[in-house]
PDB file of N, CA and C in Angstrom:
ATOM      1  N   MET A   1     101.468  87.294 112.656  1.00  0.00           N
ATOM      2  CA  MET A   1     101.113  88.676 112.354  1.00  0.00           C
ATOM      3  C   MET A   1     102.465  89.468 112.452  1.00  0.00           C
ATOM      4  N   ARG A   2     103.347  89.133 113.276  1.00  0.00           N
ATOM      5  CA  ARG A   2     104.594  89.859 113.502  1.00  0.00           C
ATOM      6  C   ARG A   2     105.759  89.331 112.784  1.00  0.00           C
ATOM      7  N   ASP A   3     105.439  88.561 111.686  1.00  0.00           N
ATOM      8  CA  ASP A   3     106.455  87.929 110.820  1.00  0.00           C
ATOM      9  C   ASP A   3     107.179  88.959 109.950  1.00  0.00           C
ATOM     10  N   PRO A   4     108.474  89.166 110.159  1.00  0.00           N
ATOM     11  CA  PRO A   4     109.188  90.203 109.413  1.00  0.00           C
ATOM     12  C   PRO A   4     109.073  89.951 107.835  1.00  0.00           C
ATOM     13  N   GLN A   5     108.949  88.759 107.419  1.00  0.00           N
ATOM     14  CA  GLN A   5     108.787  88.452 105.967  1.00  0.00           C
ATOM     15  C   GLN A   5     107.537  89.003 105.448  1.00  0.00           C
ATOM     16  N   LEU A   6     106.464  89.227 106.250  1.00  0.00           N
ATOM     17  CA  LEU A   6     105.220  89.765 105.789  1.00  0.00           C
ATOM     18  C   LEU A   6     105.311  91.101 105.418  1.00  0.00           C
ATOM     19  N   GLY A   7     106.240  91.939 106.183  1.00  0.00           N
ATOM     20  CA  GLY A   7     106.564  93.331 105.819  1.00  0.00           C
ATOM     21  C   GLY A   7     105.461  94.326 106.011  1.00  0.00           C
ATOM     22  N   LEU A   8     104.542  94.045 107.007  1.00  0.00           N
ATOM     23  CA  LEU A   8     103.468  95.001 107.304  1.00  0.00           C
ATOM     24  C   LEU A   8     103.987  96.179 108.138  1.00  0.00           C
ATOM     25  N   ASP A   9     103.664  97.363 107.583  1.00  0.00           N
ATOM     26  CA  ASP A   9     104.003  98.658 108.327  1.00  0.00           C
ATOM     27  C   ASP A   9     102.752  98.914 109.144  1.00  0.00           C
ATOM     28  N   TYR A  10     102.705  98.550 110.451  1.00  0.00           N
ATOM     29  CA  TYR A  10     101.560  98.575 111.389  1.00  0.00           C
ATOM     30  C   TYR A  10     101.114 100.081 111.509  1.00  0.00           C
ATOM     31  N   SER A  11     101.969 101.005 111.248  1.00  0.00           N
ATOM     32  CA  SER A  11     101.550 102.432 111.282  1.00  0.00           C
ATOM     33  C   SER A  11     100.501 102.740 110.247  1.00  0.00           C
ATOM     34  N   ARG A  12     100.413 101.917 109.166  1.00  0.00           N
ATOM     35  CA  ARG A  12      99.535 102.151 108.044  1.00  0.00           C
ATOM     36  C   ARG A  12      98.385 101.105 108.043  1.00  0.00           C
ATOM     37  N   VAL A  13      98.231 100.251 109.035  1.00  0.00           N
ATOM     38  CA  VAL A  13      97.276  99.201 109.034  1.00  0.00           C
ATOM     39  C   VAL A  13      96.001  99.687 109.806  1.00  0.00           C
ATOM     40  N   VAL A  14      94.876  99.474 109.188  1.00  0.00           N
ATOM     41  CA  VAL A  14      93.575  99.727 109.890  1.00  0.00           C
ATOM     42  C   VAL A  14      92.714  98.455 109.921  1.00  0.00           C
ATOM     43  N   HIS A  15      91.885  98.403 110.968  1.00  0.00           N
ATOM     44  CA  HIS A  15      91.007  97.182 111.067  1.00  0.00           C
ATOM     45  C   HIS A  15      89.811  97.384 110.293  1.00  0.00           C
ATOM     46  N   GLY A  16      89.503  96.448 109.358  1.00  0.00           N
ATOM     47  CA  GLY A  16      88.430  96.524 108.349  1.00  0.00           C
ATOM     48  C   GLY A  16      87.117  95.895 108.796  1.00  0.00           C
ATOM     49  N   ASP A  17      87.146  94.692 109.451  1.00  0.00           N
ATOM     50  CA  ASP A  17      85.995  93.921 109.716  1.00  0.00           C
ATOM     51  C   ASP A  17      86.429  92.795 110.724  1.00  0.00           C
ATOM     52  N   GLN A  18      85.470  92.235 111.466  1.00  0.00           N
ATOM     53  CA  GLN A  18      85.799  91.195 112.350  1.00  0.00           C
ATOM     54  C   GLN A  18      84.462  90.407 112.680  1.00  0.00           C
ATOM     55  N   LYS A  19      84.536  89.078 112.670  1.00  0.00           N
ATOM     56  CA  LYS A  19      83.408  88.237 113.145  1.00  0.00           C
ATOM     57  C   LYS A  19      83.919  87.069 113.846  1.00  0.00           C
ATOM     58  N   PHE A  20      82.955  86.470 114.628  1.00  0.00           N
ATOM     59  CA  PHE A  20      83.389  85.344 115.528  1.00  0.00           C
ATOM     60  C   PHE A  20      82.319  84.268 115.376  1.00  0.00           C
ATOM     61  N   ALA A  21      82.819  83.019 115.589  1.00  0.00           N
ATOM     62  CA  ALA A  21      81.956  81.860 115.710  1.00  0.00           C
ATOM     63  C   ALA A  21      82.380  81.048 116.921  1.00  0.00           C
ATOM     64  N   TYR A  22      81.597  81.205 117.992  1.00  0.00           N
ATOM     65  CA  TYR A  22      81.934  80.561 119.340  1.00  0.00           C
ATOM     66  C   TYR A  22      81.480  79.150 119.349  1.00  0.00           C
ATOM     67  N   VAL A  23      82.302  78.276 119.881  1.00  0.00           N
ATOM     68  CA  VAL A  23      82.013  76.911 120.228  1.00  0.00           C
ATOM     69  C   VAL A  23      81.477  76.823 121.593  1.00  0.00           C
ATOM     70  N   ARG A  24      81.978  77.613 122.484  1.00  0.00           N
ATOM     71  CA  ARG A  24      81.650  77.767 123.891  1.00  0.00           C
ATOM     72  C   ARG A  24      82.006  79.149 124.350  1.00  0.00           C
ATOM     73  N   PRO A  25      81.426  79.671 125.350  1.00  0.00           N
ATOM     74  CA  PRO A  25      81.794  80.978 125.936  1.00  0.00           C
ATOM     75  C   PRO A  25      83.243  80.988 126.451  1.00  0.00           C
ATOM     76  N   VAL A  26      83.897  82.143 126.298  1.00  0.00           N
ATOM     77  CA  VAL A  26      85.194  82.350 126.957  1.00  0.00           C
ATOM     78  C   VAL A  26      84.862  82.589 128.376  1.00  0.00           C
ATOM     79  N   ARG A  27      85.641  81.943 129.341  1.00  0.00           N
ATOM     80  CA  ARG A  27      85.367  82.066 130.736  1.00  0.00           C
ATOM     81  C   ARG A  27      86.596  82.743 131.447  1.00  0.00           C
ATOM     82  N   ALA A  28      86.294  83.483 132.588  1.00  0.00           N
ATOM     83  CA  ALA A  28      87.449  83.991 133.368  1.00  0.00           C
ATOM     84  C   ALA A  28      88.270  82.897 133.793  1.00  0.00           C
ATOM     85  N   GLY A  29      89.551  83.055 133.653  1.00  0.00           N
ATOM     86  CA  GLY A  29      90.590  82.050 134.045  1.00  0.00           C
ATOM     87  C   GLY A  29      90.998  81.225 132.875  1.00  0.00           C
ATOM     88  N   ASP A  30      90.319  81.296 131.726  1.00  0.00           N
ATOM     89  CA  ASP A  30      90.728  80.484 130.565  1.00  0.00           C
ATOM     90  C   ASP A  30      92.144  80.953 130.088  1.00  0.00           C
ATOM     91  N   ARG A  31      92.956  79.987 129.763  1.00  0.00           N
ATOM     92  CA  ARG A  31      94.256  80.306 129.192  1.00  0.00           C
ATOM     93  C   ARG A  31      94.133  79.904 127.650  1.00  0.00           C
ATOM     94  N   LEU A  32      94.125  80.869 126.844  1.00  0.00           N
ATOM     95  CA  LEU A  32      93.838  80.602 125.465  1.00  0.00           C
ATOM     96  C   LEU A  32      95.091  80.771 124.532  1.00  0.00           C
ATOM     97  N   THR A  33      95.120  80.070 123.518  1.00  0.00           N
ATOM     98  CA  THR A  33      96.078  80.179 122.446  1.00  0.00           C
ATOM     99  C   THR A  33      95.499  80.362 121.089  1.00  0.00           C
ATOM    100  N   VAL A  34      96.002  81.316 120.319  1.00  0.00           N
ATOM    101  CA  VAL A  34      95.418  81.619 118.879  1.00  0.00           C
ATOM    102  C   VAL A  34      96.428  81.199 117.919  1.00  0.00           C
ATOM    103  N   THR A  35      95.984  80.540 116.997  1.00  0.00           N
ATOM    104  CA  THR A  35      96.755  80.207 115.686  1.00  0.00           C
ATOM    105  C   THR A  35      96.164  81.041 114.620  1.00  0.00           C
ATOM    106  N   SER A  36      97.005  81.992 113.991  1.00  0.00           N
ATOM    107  CA  SER A  36      96.398  82.773 112.963  1.00  0.00           C
ATOM    108  C   SER A  36      96.913  82.280 111.612  1.00  0.00           C
ATOM    109  N   THR A  37      96.014  82.391 110.660  1.00  0.00           N
ATOM    110  CA  THR A  37      96.296  81.937 109.238  1.00  0.00           C
ATOM    111  C   THR A  37      95.896  83.085 108.322  1.00  0.00           C
ATOM    112  N   ILE A  38      96.730  83.502 107.409  1.00  0.00           N
ATOM    113  CA  ILE A  38      96.353  84.459 106.367  1.00  0.00           C
ATOM    114  C   ILE A  38      95.644  83.707 105.295  1.00  0.00           C
ATOM    115  N   GLU A  39      94.340  83.860 105.090  1.00  0.00           N
ATOM    116  CA  GLU A  39      93.598  83.183 104.118  1.00  0.00           C
ATOM    117  C   GLU A  39      93.678  83.794 102.748  1.00  0.00           C
ATOM    118  N   GLY A  40      93.932  85.038 102.742  1.00  0.00           N
ATOM    119  CA  GLY A  40      94.023  85.715 101.400  1.00  0.00           C
ATOM    120  C   GLY A  40      94.609  87.112 101.488  1.00  0.00           C
ATOM    121  N   ILE A  41      95.202  87.539 100.441  1.00  0.00           N
ATOM    122  CA  ILE A  41      95.795  88.956 100.247  1.00  0.00           C
ATOM    123  C   ILE A  41      95.390  89.420  98.935  1.00  0.00           C
ATOM    124  N   LYS A  42      94.792  90.615  98.918  1.00  0.00           N
ATOM    125  CA  LYS A  42      94.475  91.192  97.611  1.00  0.00           C
ATOM    126  C   LYS A  42      94.832  92.730  97.602  1.00  0.00           C
ATOM    127  N   SER A  43      95.062  93.245  96.496  1.00  0.00           N
ATOM    128  CA  SER A  43      95.284  94.711  96.424  1.00  0.00           C
ATOM    129  C   SER A  43      94.110  95.339  95.757  1.00  0.00           C
ATOM    130  N   LEU A  44      93.737  96.455  96.345  1.00  0.00           N
ATOM    131  CA  LEU A  44      92.542  97.310  95.863  1.00  0.00           C
ATOM    132  C   LEU A  44      92.933  98.779  95.984  1.00  0.00           C
ATOM    133  N   ALA A  45      92.956  99.454  94.900  1.00  0.00           N
ATOM    134  CA  ALA A  45      93.196 100.889  94.950  1.00  0.00           C
ATOM    135  C   ALA A  45      94.528 101.243  95.579  1.00  0.00           C
ATOM    136  N   GLY A  46      95.521 100.329  95.499  1.00  0.00           N
ATOM    137  CA  GLY A  46      96.820 100.652  96.078  1.00  0.00           C
ATOM    138  C   GLY A  46      96.942 100.095  97.568  1.00  0.00           C
ATOM    139  N   ASN A  47      95.812  99.641  98.112  1.00  0.00           N
ATOM    140  CA  ASN A  47      95.850  99.239  99.526  1.00  0.00           C
ATOM    141  C   ASN A  47      95.983  97.602  99.468  1.00  0.00           C
ATOM    142  N   ASP A  48      96.584  97.074 100.407  1.00  0.00           N
ATOM    143  CA  ASP A  48      96.630  95.592 100.574  1.00  0.00           C
ATOM    144  C   ASP A  48      95.613  95.185 101.622  1.00  0.00           C
ATOM    145  N   ILE A  49      94.753  94.213 101.213  1.00  0.00           N
ATOM    146  CA  ILE A  49      93.715  93.701 102.123  1.00  0.00           C
ATOM    147  C   ILE A  49      94.019  92.293 102.498  1.00  0.00           C
ATOM    148  N   LEU A  50      94.144  92.067 103.806  1.00  0.00           N
ATOM    149  CA  LEU A  50      94.476  90.682 104.381  1.00  0.00           C
ATOM    150  C   LEU A  50      93.273  90.128 105.067  1.00  0.00           C
ATOM    151  N   ASP A  51      92.879  88.937 104.690  1.00  0.00           N
ATOM    152  CA  ASP A  51      91.836  88.154 105.347  1.00  0.00           C
ATOM    153  C   ASP A  51      92.561  87.171 106.228  1.00  0.00           C
ATOM    154  N   ILE A  52      92.274  87.231 107.473  1.00  0.00           N
ATOM    155  CA  ILE A  52      93.011  86.374 108.524  1.00  0.00           C
ATOM    156  C   ILE A  52      91.934  85.655 109.298  1.00  0.00           C
ATOM    157  N   ARG A  53      92.249  84.305 109.595  1.00  0.00           N
ATOM    158  CA  ARG A  53      91.421  83.518 110.399  1.00  0.00           C
ATOM    159  C   ARG A  53      92.308  83.180 111.660  1.00  0.00           C
ATOM    160  N   GLY A  54      91.678  83.319 112.817  1.00  0.00           N
ATOM    161  CA  GLY A  54      92.338  82.895 114.085  1.00  0.00           C
ATOM    162  C   GLY A  54      91.535  81.787 114.767  1.00  0.00           C
ATOM    163  N   GLU A  55      92.170  80.612 115.048  1.00  0.00           N
ATOM    164  CA  GLU A  55      91.684  79.454 115.737  1.00  0.00           C
ATOM    165  C   GLU A  55      91.997  79.608 117.176  1.00  0.00           C
ATOM    166  N   VAL A  56      91.067  79.646 118.108  1.00  0.00           N
ATOM    167  CA  VAL A  56      91.363  79.831 119.488  1.00  0.00           C
ATOM    168  C   VAL A  56      91.056  78.537 120.256  1.00  0.00           C
ATOM    169  N   HIS A  57      91.999  78.074 120.994  1.00  0.00           N
ATOM    170  CA  HIS A  57      91.964  76.822 121.731  1.00  0.00           C
ATOM    171  C   HIS A  57      92.326  77.084 123.241  1.00  0.00           C
ATOM    172  N   ASP A  58      91.770  76.305 124.135  1.00  0.00           N
ATOM    173  CA  ASP A  58      92.133  76.337 125.539  1.00  0.00           C
ATOM    174  C   ASP A  58      93.298  75.411 125.887  1.00  0.00           C
ATOM    175  N   GLU A  59      93.724  75.445 127.104  1.00  0.00           N
ATOM    176  CA  GLU A  59      94.838  74.616 127.542  1.00  0.00           C
ATOM    177  C   GLU A  59      94.685  73.107 127.208  1.00  0.00           C
ATOM    178  N   ALA A  60      93.495  72.545 127.220  1.00  0.00           N
ATOM    179  CA  ALA A  60      93.247  71.208 126.904  1.00  0.00           C
ATOM    180  C   ALA A  60      93.264  70.876 125.405  1.00  0.00           C
ATOM    181  N   GLY A  61      93.364  72.022 124.637  1.00  0.00           N
ATOM    182  CA  GLY A  61      93.368  71.899 123.182  1.00  0.00           C
ATOM    183  C   GLY A  61      92.007  71.849 122.601  1.00  0.00           C
ATOM    184  N   GLU A  62      90.986  72.252 123.403  1.00  0.00           N
ATOM    185  CA  GLU A  62      89.610  72.278 122.928  1.00  0.00           C
ATOM    186  C   GLU A  62      89.350  73.571 122.167  1.00  0.00           C
ATOM    187  N   HIS A  63      88.733  73.448 121.052  1.00  0.00           N
ATOM    188  CA  HIS A  63      88.314  74.594 120.250  1.00  0.00           C
ATOM    189  C   HIS A  63      87.341  75.490 121.021  1.00  0.00           C
ATOM    190  N   VAL A  64      87.655  76.763 121.131  1.00  0.00           N
ATOM    191  CA  VAL A  64      86.753  77.743 121.814  1.00  0.00           C
ATOM    192  C   VAL A  64      85.995  78.683 120.793  1.00  0.00           C
ATOM    193  N   VAL A  65      86.736  79.220 119.858  1.00  0.00           N
ATOM    194  CA  VAL A  65      86.167  80.157 118.990  1.00  0.00           C
ATOM    195  C   VAL A  65      87.042  80.295 117.775  1.00  0.00           C
ATOM    196  N   THR A  66      86.449  80.627 116.655  1.00  0.00           N
ATOM    197  CA  THR A  66      87.131  81.026 115.427  1.00  0.00           C
ATOM    198  C   THR A  66      86.804  82.525 115.175  1.00  0.00           C
ATOM    199  N   ALA A  67      87.879  83.228 114.830  1.00  0.00           N
ATOM    200  CA  ALA A  67      87.710  84.735 114.610  1.00  0.00           C
ATOM    201  C   ALA A  67      88.197  84.981 113.169  1.00  0.00           C
ATOM    202  N   TRP A  68      87.530  85.791 112.487  1.00  0.00           N
ATOM    203  CA  TRP A  68      87.956  86.179 111.137  1.00  0.00           C
ATOM    204  C   TRP A  68      88.056  87.720 111.206  1.00  0.00           C
ATOM    205  N   MET A  69      89.129  88.210 110.622  1.00  0.00           N
ATOM    206  CA  MET A  69      89.338  89.665 110.530  1.00  0.00           C
ATOM    207  C   MET A  69      89.943  90.101 109.211  1.00  0.00           C
ATOM    208  N   LYS A  70      89.649  91.329 108.924  1.00  0.00           N
ATOM    209  CA  LYS A  70      90.147  91.930 107.662  1.00  0.00           C
ATOM    210  C   LYS A  70      90.980  93.057 108.066  1.00  0.00           C
ATOM    211  N   LEU A  71      92.200  93.101 107.644  1.00  0.00           N
ATOM    212  CA  LEU A  71      93.130  94.264 107.897  1.00  0.00           C
ATOM    213  C   LEU A  71      93.402  94.976 106.542  1.00  0.00           C
ATOM    214  N   VAL A  72      93.491  96.245 106.610  1.00  0.00           N
ATOM    215  CA  VAL A  72      93.807  96.993 105.378  1.00  0.00           C
ATOM    216  C   VAL A  72      95.141  97.697 105.540  1.00  0.00           C
ATOM    217  N   ALA A  73      96.159  97.406 104.871  1.00  0.00           N
ATOM    218  CA  ALA A  73      97.367  98.069 104.881  1.00  0.00           C
ATOM    219  C   ALA A  73      97.320  99.164 103.895  1.00  0.00           C
ATOM    220  N   ARG A  74      97.159 100.390 104.316  1.00  0.00           N
ATOM    221  CA  ARG A  74      96.912 101.566 103.452  1.00  0.00           C
ATOM    222  C   ARG A  74      98.227 101.706 102.544  1.00  0.00           C
ATOM    223  N   ALA A  75      98.024 102.209 101.371  1.00  0.00           N
ATOM    224  CA  ALA A  75      99.116 102.591 100.509  1.00  0.00           C
ATOM    225  C   ALA A  75      99.980 103.608 101.073  1.00  0.00           C
ATOM    226  N   ALA A  76     101.265 103.535 100.818  1.00  0.00           N
ATOM    227  CA  ALA A  76     102.195 104.587 101.276  1.00  0.00           C
ATOM    228  C   ALA A  76     101.879 105.868 100.572  1.00  0.00           C
ATOM    229  N   GLU A  77     102.013 106.938 101.239  1.00  0.00           N
ATOM    230  CA  GLU A  77     101.765 108.250 100.682  1.00  0.00           C
ATOM    231  C   GLU A  77     102.983 108.605  99.781  1.00  0.00           C
ATOM    232  N   GLU A  78     102.603 109.229  98.616  1.00  0.00           N
ATOM    233  CA  GLU A  78     103.622 109.613  97.715  1.00  0.00           C
ATOM    234  C   GLU A  78     104.317 110.952  98.243  1.00  0.00           C
ATOM    235  N   ALA A  79     105.703 110.975  98.065  1.00  0.00           N
ATOM    236  CA  ALA A  79     106.322 112.196  98.458  1.00  0.00           C
ATOM    237  C   ALA A  79     106.007 113.387  97.613  1.00  0.00           C
ATOM    238  N   SER A  80     105.845 114.532  98.128  1.00  0.00           N
ATOM    239  CA  SER A  80     105.413 115.693  97.159  1.00  0.00           C
ATOM    240  C   SER A  80     106.626 116.470  96.776  1.00  0.00           C
TER     241      SER A  80
END
């Protein structure tokens, strides 16, 4: 998500949607790692919409949860 080549201006990004599919509950003390994948990017009305999937695993490499989110990078305002 912080890849400079992606070129996201986070001051213009809003959270659009999110859902989760749990394999097991997250427990206190879990040390988790997330691998994010951009599944799609589309433009709509000048805004870029990113569909992102995050695979969450524990220290043993066991799958804990999959998270999907939609981010909207709002179009830059035109100078007046």
